Protein backbone atom coordinates (compact mmCIF):
# COMPACT_ATOMS: atom_id res chain seq x y z
CA MET A 1 142.25 79.03 -26.20
CA GLU A 2 145.32 76.84 -25.89
CA LEU A 3 148.04 77.81 -23.45
CA ASN A 4 150.63 78.33 -26.21
CA ASP A 5 148.28 80.66 -28.04
CA ALA A 6 147.51 82.54 -24.84
CA VAL A 7 151.22 83.06 -24.08
CA ASP A 8 151.86 84.18 -27.69
CA GLU A 9 148.97 86.63 -27.45
CA ALA A 10 150.17 87.91 -24.06
CA VAL A 11 153.70 88.45 -25.40
CA SER A 12 152.48 90.19 -28.55
CA SER A 13 150.24 92.51 -26.53
CA MET A 14 153.08 93.50 -24.17
CA PRO A 15 154.83 96.80 -24.78
CA LYS A 16 158.17 96.28 -26.54
CA ASP A 17 160.07 97.82 -23.63
CA TYR A 18 158.34 95.69 -20.96
CA VAL A 19 161.03 94.27 -18.67
CA LEU A 20 159.75 90.69 -18.62
CA ARG A 21 159.01 90.48 -22.34
CA SER A 22 162.52 89.41 -23.40
CA PHE A 23 162.66 86.87 -20.56
CA ILE A 24 159.29 85.37 -21.51
CA VAL A 25 160.18 85.22 -25.20
CA LYS A 26 163.59 83.66 -24.44
CA ASN A 27 162.13 81.12 -22.01
CA GLN A 28 158.71 80.65 -23.57
CA ALA A 29 158.74 76.84 -23.35
CA GLU A 30 159.66 76.95 -19.66
CA VAL A 31 157.06 79.64 -18.98
CA ILE A 32 154.38 77.59 -20.72
CA GLY A 33 155.41 74.49 -18.76
CA MET A 34 155.27 76.44 -15.51
CA LEU A 35 151.87 77.91 -16.31
CA ASP A 36 150.56 74.52 -17.39
CA THR A 37 151.57 72.82 -14.15
CA GLU A 38 151.07 75.77 -11.83
CA TYR A 39 147.40 75.72 -10.86
CA ASN A 40 144.47 74.41 -12.78
CA GLU A 41 141.42 75.46 -10.79
CA ALA A 42 139.01 73.19 -12.63
CA GLU A 43 141.29 70.19 -12.16
CA VAL A 44 141.78 70.94 -8.47
CA ARG A 45 138.04 71.43 -7.99
CA GLU A 46 137.38 68.09 -9.70
CA LEU A 47 139.95 66.39 -7.47
CA PHE A 48 138.27 67.81 -4.37
CA MET A 49 134.89 66.74 -5.67
CA GLU A 50 136.15 63.23 -6.39
CA ASP A 51 137.65 63.03 -2.91
CA GLY A 52 134.30 64.11 -1.51
CA ARG A 53 132.47 61.53 -3.60
CA ALA A 54 134.89 58.80 -2.47
CA GLU A 55 134.42 59.79 1.16
CA GLU A 56 130.65 59.86 0.69
CA ARG A 57 130.79 56.34 -0.77
CA ILE A 58 132.76 55.21 2.30
CA ASN A 59 130.29 56.94 4.62
CA THR A 60 127.35 55.43 2.72
CA LYS A 61 128.84 51.94 3.03
CA ARG A 62 129.51 52.53 6.73
CA GLU A 63 125.97 53.77 7.34
CA LYS A 64 124.50 50.86 5.36
CA LYS A 65 126.52 48.45 7.47
CA ARG A 66 125.25 50.12 10.65
CA ALA A 67 121.68 50.08 9.36
CA ASP A 68 121.98 46.40 8.41
CA LYS A 69 123.27 45.56 11.90
CA ALA A 70 120.45 47.56 13.51
CA GLU A 71 117.90 45.81 11.32
CA ALA A 72 119.36 42.41 12.21
CA ARG A 73 119.17 43.28 15.94
CA ALA A 74 115.58 44.47 15.52
CA ASN A 75 114.67 41.26 13.71
CA GLU A 76 116.27 39.19 16.50
CA GLU A 77 114.35 41.14 19.13
CA LYS A 78 111.10 40.69 17.21
CA ALA A 79 111.74 36.96 16.91
CA ARG A 80 112.40 36.75 20.67
CA ALA A 81 109.25 38.76 21.40
CA ASP A 82 107.19 36.56 19.08
CA LYS A 83 108.59 33.44 20.73
CA ALA A 84 107.86 34.85 24.20
CA GLU A 85 104.33 35.74 23.11
CA GLU A 86 103.76 32.21 21.79
CA GLU A 87 105.11 30.76 25.03
CA ASN A 88 102.85 33.08 27.04
CA LYS A 89 99.85 32.00 24.95
CA ARG A 90 100.74 28.30 25.42
CA LEU A 91 101.09 28.72 29.17
CA LYS A 92 97.73 30.54 29.40
CA GLU A 93 96.06 27.71 27.47
CA GLU A 94 97.70 25.14 29.73
CA LEU A 95 96.59 27.08 32.81
CA ALA A 96 93.04 27.25 31.48
CA LYS A 97 93.05 23.43 30.97
CA LEU A 98 94.33 22.88 34.49
CA LYS A 99 91.65 25.19 35.90
CA THR A 100 88.94 23.17 34.10
CA LEU A 101 90.39 19.93 35.45
CA ILE A 102 90.52 21.26 39.02
CA GLY A 103 87.38 22.79 38.75
């Protein structure tokens, strides 16, 4: 139901001697404007939900950035460990050669 229709129906269902009836009838356009801008629960809920979604997108980006940095650090550590392992292997082989030469 449209707001205009709802106000018309509310006015027509009011008792004729109701104190606010004449005021509402006289100022119907203003009353409708006030009701229309007063509080729209669905609109407010949607705004809160959109704010939440926007914040979640920001948090998701932030967490992805943190995860990417952590992954990069882990990859660097793995590369260092692999390099150290290769160096260790090379030194063991060199030591074994020296031992065979000595004796």
